[in-house]
Amino acid sequence: MQEQWRVFLAVPLPAELKLKLHHELQLIPSVLESFKKQTDYRDYHITVQFLGDVASERIQEIHKAMNRAAALMSRFTVGLSGWGTFGRMETPRVLWCDIQGQLNALHQLYAKLTAETRLLGFQPEERPYRPHITVARQYQGTESFSLAELSELGQASDVSYAWEVDRIVLYRTHMGKKPMYEAIAESTING
């Protein structure tokens, strides 16, 4: 029987930006503590496509598809911008950090990657692509949730929240571990 790995394609964040976002969120612990699960800061990323459980023998062909998509792209710049939720605003399923910058290029990357992985039998999600960074899941607070406390984070900072997207990473999920995601393949985007 073939070993199955749960994998997804993503744009990684630079380590220093992950740490900066983590430190900023620590300034308002009441927000994160109201969620059942917080994302380990080392796992912050922008998902491009979730592939699901795949045979470990397929990793090489997925990596080749990543390389083909990356070869069709040029590097581009994105950054962090504001906050949002999925689910009912009062009791959200997901709290996320929004993305700004060259979003057209990010959507082109999504289109190129999903076209390549479709040739391997992977189907993109039916809902529209909404790039974001998940920071927490499953609100369990006693009062209705509000984004107000988060709105001022980073506003007075002199740190840039932008970075150049220069690679795509294939991550493997290790449920119950911290960090939970392991980079198992990487493709460089042209300069």
C-alpha atoms as a PDB file:
ATOM      1  CA  MET A   1       0.000   0.000   0.000  1.00  0.00           C
ATOM      2  CA  GLN A   2       1.311   3.434  -0.968  1.00  0.00           C
ATOM      3  CA  GLU A   3       1.959   5.986   1.765  1.00  0.00           C
ATOM      4  CA  GLN A   4      -0.442   8.947   1.535  1.00  0.00           C
ATOM      5  CA  TRP A   5       0.734  12.502   2.236  1.00  0.00           C
ATOM      6  CA  ARG A   6      -1.598  15.481   2.702  1.00  0.00           C
ATOM      7  CA  VAL A   7      -0.092  18.260   0.590  1.00  0.00           C
ATOM      8  CA  PHE A   8      -0.750  21.757  -0.741  1.00  0.00           C
ATOM      9  CA  LEU A   9       0.945  24.391  -2.898  1.00  0.00           C
ATOM     10  CA  ALA A  10       1.706  27.758  -1.336  1.00  0.00           C
ATOM     11  CA  VAL A  11       3.626  31.009  -1.432  1.00  0.00           C
ATOM     12  CA  PRO A  12       5.850  31.133   1.668  1.00  0.00           C
ATOM     13  CA  LEU A  13       6.372  34.248   3.767  1.00  0.00           C
ATOM     14  CA  PRO A  14       9.914  35.354   4.633  1.00  0.00           C
ATOM     15  CA  ALA A  15      10.902  34.186   8.133  1.00  0.00           C
ATOM     16  CA  GLU A  16      11.349  37.753   9.423  1.00  0.00           C
ATOM     17  CA  LEU A  17       7.851  38.706   8.262  1.00  0.00           C
ATOM     18  CA  LYS A  18       6.320  35.637   9.942  1.00  0.00           C
ATOM     19  CA  LEU A  19       8.027  36.660  13.173  1.00  0.00           C
ATOM     20  CA  LYS A  20       6.922  40.297  12.872  1.00  0.00           C
ATOM     21  CA  LEU A  21       3.285  39.286  12.306  1.00  0.00           C
ATOM     22  CA  HIS A  22       3.517  36.896  15.268  1.00  0.00           C
ATOM     23  CA  HIS A  23       4.893  39.626  17.559  1.00  0.00           C
ATOM     24  CA  GLU A  24       2.192  42.072  16.487  1.00  0.00           C
ATOM     25  CA  LEU A  25      -0.539  39.527  17.235  1.00  0.00           C
ATOM     26  CA  GLN A  26       0.959  38.921  20.694  1.00  0.00           C
ATOM     27  CA  LEU A  27       0.137  42.564  21.511  1.00  0.00           C
ATOM     28  CA  ILE A  28      -3.544  41.623  21.584  1.00  0.00           C
ATOM     29  CA  PRO A  29      -3.663  38.151  23.174  1.00  0.00           C
ATOM     30  CA  SER A  30      -7.392  38.420  23.902  1.00  0.00           C
ATOM     31  CA  VAL A  31      -8.144  38.172  20.181  1.00  0.00           C
ATOM     32  CA  LEU A  32      -6.208  34.976  19.505  1.00  0.00           C
ATOM     33  CA  GLU A  33      -7.203  33.391  22.807  1.00  0.00           C
ATOM     34  CA  SER A  34     -10.845  33.634  21.744  1.00  0.00           C
ATOM     35  CA  PHE A  35     -10.128  31.100  18.970  1.00  0.00           C
ATOM     36  CA  LYS A  36      -9.810  27.371  19.619  1.00  0.00           C
ATOM     37  CA  LYS A  37      -6.827  26.970  17.268  1.00  0.00           C
ATOM     38  CA  GLN A  38      -4.044  29.456  16.507  1.00  0.00           C
ATOM     39  CA  THR A  39      -1.746  28.955  13.544  1.00  0.00           C
ATOM     40  CA  ASP A  40       1.873  28.484  14.590  1.00  0.00           C
ATOM     41  CA  TYR A  41       3.662  31.521  13.129  1.00  0.00           C
ATOM     42  CA  ARG A  42       6.205  29.243  11.443  1.00  0.00           C
ATOM     43  CA  ASP A  43       3.312  27.862   9.361  1.00  0.00           C
ATOM     44  CA  TYR A  44       2.128  31.220   7.933  1.00  0.00           C
ATOM     45  CA  HIS A  45       1.764  31.000   4.148  1.00  0.00           C
ATOM     46  CA  ILE A  46      -0.565  31.895   1.272  1.00  0.00           C
ATOM     47  CA  THR A  47      -2.243  28.740   0.005  1.00  0.00           C
ATOM     48  CA  VAL A  48      -2.407  28.546  -3.766  1.00  0.00           C
ATOM     49  CA  GLN A  49      -3.963  25.074  -4.139  1.00  0.00           C
ATOM     50  CA  PHE A  50      -4.865  22.317  -1.709  1.00  0.00           C
ATOM     51  CA  LEU A  51      -4.134  18.951  -3.333  1.00  0.00           C
ATOM     52  CA  GLY A  52      -5.269  16.659  -0.512  1.00  0.00           C
ATOM     53  CA  ASP A  53      -4.003  13.176   0.255  1.00  0.00           C
ATOM     54  CA  VAL A  54      -1.683  11.915  -2.465  1.00  0.00           C
ATOM     55  CA  ALA A  55       0.624   8.936  -2.834  1.00  0.00           C
ATOM     56  CA  SER A  56       4.151   9.945  -1.844  1.00  0.00           C
ATOM     57  CA  GLU A  57       5.361   8.579  -5.196  1.00  0.00           C
ATOM     58  CA  ARG A  58       3.500  11.438  -6.934  1.00  0.00           C
ATOM     59  CA  ILE A  59       5.558  14.203  -5.303  1.00  0.00           C
ATOM     60  CA  GLN A  60       8.093  14.237  -8.148  1.00  0.00           C
ATOM     61  CA  GLU A  61       5.415  14.735 -10.837  1.00  0.00           C
ATOM     62  CA  ILE A  62       3.793  17.493  -8.754  1.00  0.00           C
ATOM     63  CA  HIS A  63       7.204  19.155  -8.436  1.00  0.00           C
ATOM     64  CA  LYS A  64       7.635  19.037 -12.222  1.00  0.00           C
ATOM     65  CA  ALA A  65       4.219  20.691 -12.634  1.00  0.00           C
ATOM     66  CA  MET A  66       5.308  23.396 -10.169  1.00  0.00           C
ATOM     67  CA  ASN A  67       8.488  23.971 -12.179  1.00  0.00           C
ATOM     68  CA  ARG A  68       6.504  24.358 -15.413  1.00  0.00           C
ATOM     69  CA  ALA A  69       4.150  26.913 -13.820  1.00  0.00           C
ATOM     70  CA  ALA A  70       7.026  28.824 -12.169  1.00  0.00           C
ATOM     71  CA  ALA A  71       8.846  29.047 -15.516  1.00  0.00           C
ATOM     72  CA  LEU A  72       5.852  30.939 -16.944  1.00  0.00           C
ATOM     73  CA  MET A  73       5.898  33.559 -14.177  1.00  0.00           C
ATOM     74  CA  SER A  74       7.980  36.589 -13.250  1.00  0.00           C
ATOM     75  CA  ARG A  75       8.612  37.590  -9.662  1.00  0.00           C
ATOM     76  CA  PHE A  76       6.065  39.936  -8.131  1.00  0.00           C
ATOM     77  CA  THR A  77       5.440  41.802  -4.892  1.00  0.00           C
ATOM     78  CA  VAL A  78       2.681  41.277  -2.347  1.00  0.00           C
ATOM     79  CA  GLY A  79       2.212  42.412   1.230  1.00  0.00           C
ATOM     80  CA  LEU A  80       0.020  42.150   4.292  1.00  0.00           C
ATOM     81  CA  SER A  81      -3.008  44.391   4.475  1.00  0.00           C
ATOM     82  CA  GLY A  82      -5.761  44.307   7.043  1.00  0.00           C
ATOM     83  CA  TRP A  83      -7.886  41.498   8.450  1.00  0.00           C
ATOM     84  CA  GLY A  84     -10.903  39.446   7.574  1.00  0.00           C
ATOM     85  CA  THR A  85     -12.928  36.424   8.561  1.00  0.00           C
ATOM     86  CA  PHE A  86     -14.682  33.487   6.978  1.00  0.00           C
ATOM     87  CA  GLY A  87     -18.026  32.436   8.384  1.00  0.00           C
ATOM     88  CA  ARG A  88     -20.442  34.565  10.375  1.00  0.00           C
ATOM     89  CA  MET A  89     -18.739  37.767  11.552  1.00  0.00           C
ATOM     90  CA  GLU A  90     -20.009  37.285  15.115  1.00  0.00           C
ATOM     91  CA  THR A  91     -18.566  33.743  15.354  1.00  0.00           C
ATOM     92  CA  PRO A  92     -16.044  33.281  12.526  1.00  0.00           C
ATOM     93  CA  ARG A  93     -14.616  29.936  11.446  1.00  0.00           C
ATOM     94  CA  VAL A  94     -11.349  31.568  10.322  1.00  0.00           C
ATOM     95  CA  LEU A  95      -9.462  34.775  11.150  1.00  0.00           C
ATOM     96  CA  TRP A  96      -7.049  35.780   8.397  1.00  0.00           C
ATOM     97  CA  CYS A  97      -4.623  38.475   7.325  1.00  0.00           C
ATOM     98  CA  ASP A  98      -5.377  39.984   3.922  1.00  0.00           C
ATOM     99  CA  ILE A  99      -2.978  40.305   0.994  1.00  0.00           C
ATOM    100  CA  GLN A 100      -2.328  43.394  -1.127  1.00  0.00           C
ATOM    101  CA  GLY A 101       0.054  44.293  -3.928  1.00  0.00           C
ATOM    102  CA  GLN A 102       0.326  42.641  -7.314  1.00  0.00           C
ATOM    103  CA  LEU A 103      -2.760  40.482  -6.847  1.00  0.00           C
ATOM    104  CA  ASN A 104      -3.191  39.999 -10.600  1.00  0.00           C
ATOM    105  CA  ALA A 105       0.164  38.206 -10.653  1.00  0.00           C
ATOM    106  CA  LEU A 106      -0.868  36.070  -7.671  1.00  0.00           C
ATOM    107  CA  HIS A 107      -4.071  35.109  -9.489  1.00  0.00           C
ATOM    108  CA  GLN A 108      -2.004  34.309 -12.608  1.00  0.00           C
ATOM    109  CA  LEU A 109       0.182  32.032 -10.482  1.00  0.00           C
ATOM    110  CA  TYR A 110      -2.967  30.319  -9.203  1.00  0.00           C
ATOM    111  CA  ALA A 111      -4.255  29.881 -12.777  1.00  0.00           C
ATOM    112  CA  LYS A 112      -0.947  28.472 -14.042  1.00  0.00           C
ATOM    113  CA  LEU A 113      -0.516  26.078 -11.124  1.00  0.00           C
ATOM    114  CA  THR A 114      -4.092  24.792 -11.265  1.00  0.00           C
ATOM    115  CA  ALA A 115      -3.796  24.309 -15.050  1.00  0.00           C
ATOM    116  CA  GLU A 116      -0.662  22.210 -14.532  1.00  0.00           C
ATOM    117  CA  THR A 117      -2.066  20.177 -11.642  1.00  0.00           C
ATOM    118  CA  ARG A 118      -5.343  19.613 -13.505  1.00  0.00           C
ATOM    119  CA  LEU A 119      -3.263  17.650 -16.040  1.00  0.00           C
ATOM    120  CA  LEU A 120      -2.308  15.377 -13.123  1.00  0.00           C
ATOM    121  CA  GLY A 121      -5.942  14.865 -12.112  1.00  0.00           C
ATOM    122  CA  PHE A 122      -6.216  17.514  -9.359  1.00  0.00           C
ATOM    123  CA  GLN A 123      -9.259  19.773  -9.471  1.00  0.00           C
ATOM    124  CA  PRO A 124      -9.212  23.381  -8.210  1.00  0.00           C
ATOM    125  CA  GLU A 125     -11.862  24.394  -5.705  1.00  0.00           C
ATOM    126  CA  GLU A 126     -15.123  25.640  -7.176  1.00  0.00           C
ATOM    127  CA  ARG A 127     -15.196  28.793  -5.052  1.00  0.00           C
ATOM    128  CA  PRO A 128     -13.199  31.826  -6.241  1.00  0.00           C
ATOM    129  CA  TYR A 129      -9.560  32.019  -5.194  1.00  0.00           C
ATOM    130  CA  ARG A 130      -9.165  34.311  -2.147  1.00  0.00           C
ATOM    131  CA  PRO A 131      -5.504  34.644  -1.113  1.00  0.00           C
ATOM    132  CA  HIS A 132      -4.960  35.164   2.628  1.00  0.00           C
ATOM    133  CA  ILE A 133      -2.902  34.023   5.619  1.00  0.00           C
ATOM    134  CA  THR A 134      -4.856  32.033   8.197  1.00  0.00           C
ATOM    135  CA  VAL A 135      -3.916  33.033  11.764  1.00  0.00           C
ATOM    136  CA  ALA A 136      -6.681  31.362  13.831  1.00  0.00           C
ATOM    137  CA  ARG A 137      -9.681  29.036  13.558  1.00  0.00           C
ATOM    138  CA  GLN A 138     -12.938  28.282  15.391  1.00  0.00           C
ATOM    139  CA  TYR A 139     -14.011  31.332  17.373  1.00  0.00           C
ATOM    140  CA  GLN A 140     -15.247  30.334  20.820  1.00  0.00           C
ATOM    141  CA  GLY A 141     -15.540  33.690  22.576  1.00  0.00           C
ATOM    142  CA  THR A 142     -18.476  34.589  24.761  1.00  0.00           C
ATOM    143  CA  GLU A 143     -19.183  37.885  22.971  1.00  0.00           C
ATOM    144  CA  SER A 144     -19.602  38.669  19.277  1.00  0.00           C
ATOM    145  CA  PHE A 145     -16.268  38.878  17.484  1.00  0.00           C
ATOM    146  CA  SER A 146     -15.008  42.237  16.208  1.00  0.00           C
ATOM    147  CA  LEU A 147     -12.040  43.159  14.015  1.00  0.00           C
ATOM    148  CA  ALA A 148     -11.692  46.541  15.773  1.00  0.00           C
ATOM    149  CA  GLU A 149      -8.755  45.500  17.995  1.00  0.00           C
ATOM    150  CA  LEU A 150      -6.818  44.284  14.965  1.00  0.00           C
ATOM    151  CA  SER A 151      -7.366  47.356  12.786  1.00  0.00           C
ATOM    152  CA  GLU A 152      -4.478  49.373  14.264  1.00  0.00           C
ATOM    153  CA  LEU A 153      -1.828  46.636  14.119  1.00  0.00           C
ATOM    154  CA  GLY A 154       1.132  47.593  11.978  1.00  0.00           C
ATOM    155  CA  GLN A 155      -0.155  51.138  11.359  1.00  0.00           C
ATOM    156  CA  ALA A 156       2.589  52.849  13.383  1.00  0.00           C
ATOM    157  CA  SER A 157       5.296  50.376  12.385  1.00  0.00           C
ATOM    158  CA  ASP A 158       8.278  51.271  10.217  1.00  0.00           C
ATOM    159  CA  VAL A 159       8.623  47.643   9.079  1.00  0.00           C
ATOM    160  CA  SER A 160       7.694  46.841   5.501  1.00  0.00           C
ATOM    161  CA  TYR A 161       4.985  44.235   5.157  1.00  0.00           C
ATOM    162  CA  ALA A 162       5.785  43.593   1.493  1.00  0.00           C
ATOM    163  CA  TRP A 163       7.992  40.936  -0.071  1.00  0.00           C
ATOM    164  CA  GLU A 164       8.971  39.615  -3.468  1.00  0.00           C
ATOM    165  CA  VAL A 165       7.374  36.298  -4.365  1.00  0.00           C
ATOM    166  CA  ASP A 166      10.268  34.296  -5.776  1.00  0.00           C
ATOM    167  CA  ARG A 167       9.182  30.698  -5.204  1.00  0.00           C
ATOM    168  CA  ILE A 168       6.378  28.206  -4.800  1.00  0.00           C
ATOM    169  CA  VAL A 169       6.540  25.533  -2.118  1.00  0.00           C
ATOM    170  CA  LEU A 170       4.875  22.137  -1.833  1.00  0.00           C
ATOM    171  CA  TYR A 171       4.076  21.557   1.834  1.00  0.00           C
ATOM    172  CA  ARG A 172       3.271  18.315   3.611  1.00  0.00           C
ATOM    173  CA  THR A 173       0.920  18.456   6.610  1.00  0.00           C
ATOM    174  CA  HIS A 174       1.834  16.706   9.871  1.00  0.00           C
ATOM    175  CA  MET A 175      -1.371  16.843  11.908  1.00  0.00           C
ATOM    176  CA  GLY A 176      -0.894  17.585  15.611  1.00  0.00           C
ATOM    177  CA  LYS A 177       2.713  18.802  15.272  1.00  0.00           C
ATOM    178  CA  LYS A 178       4.108  22.330  15.634  1.00  0.00           C
ATOM    179  CA  PRO A 179       5.073  23.546  13.182  1.00  0.00           C
ATOM    180  CA  MET A 180       2.592  21.464  11.211  1.00  0.00           C
ATOM    181  CA  TYR A 181       3.848  22.079   7.660  1.00  0.00           C
ATOM    182  CA  GLU A 182       7.033  20.704   6.125  1.00  0.00           C
ATOM    183  CA  ALA A 183       8.421  22.046   2.846  1.00  0.00           C
ATOM    184  CA  ILE A 184       9.070  19.000   0.639  1.00  0.00           C
ATOM    185  CA  ALA A 185       9.601  20.635  -2.778  1.00  0.00           C
ATOM    186  CA  GLU A 186      10.283  24.136  -4.066  1.00  0.00           C
ATOM    187  CA  SER A 187      10.213  25.841  -7.462  1.00  0.00           C
ATOM    188  CA  THR A 188      11.910  29.138  -8.204  1.00  0.00           C
ATOM    189  CA  ILE A 189      10.056  31.864 -10.095  1.00  0.00           C
ATOM    190  CA  ASN A 190      12.081  33.618 -12.804  1.00  0.00           C
ATOM    191  CA  GLY A 191      13.752  36.912 -11.928  1.00  0.00           C
END
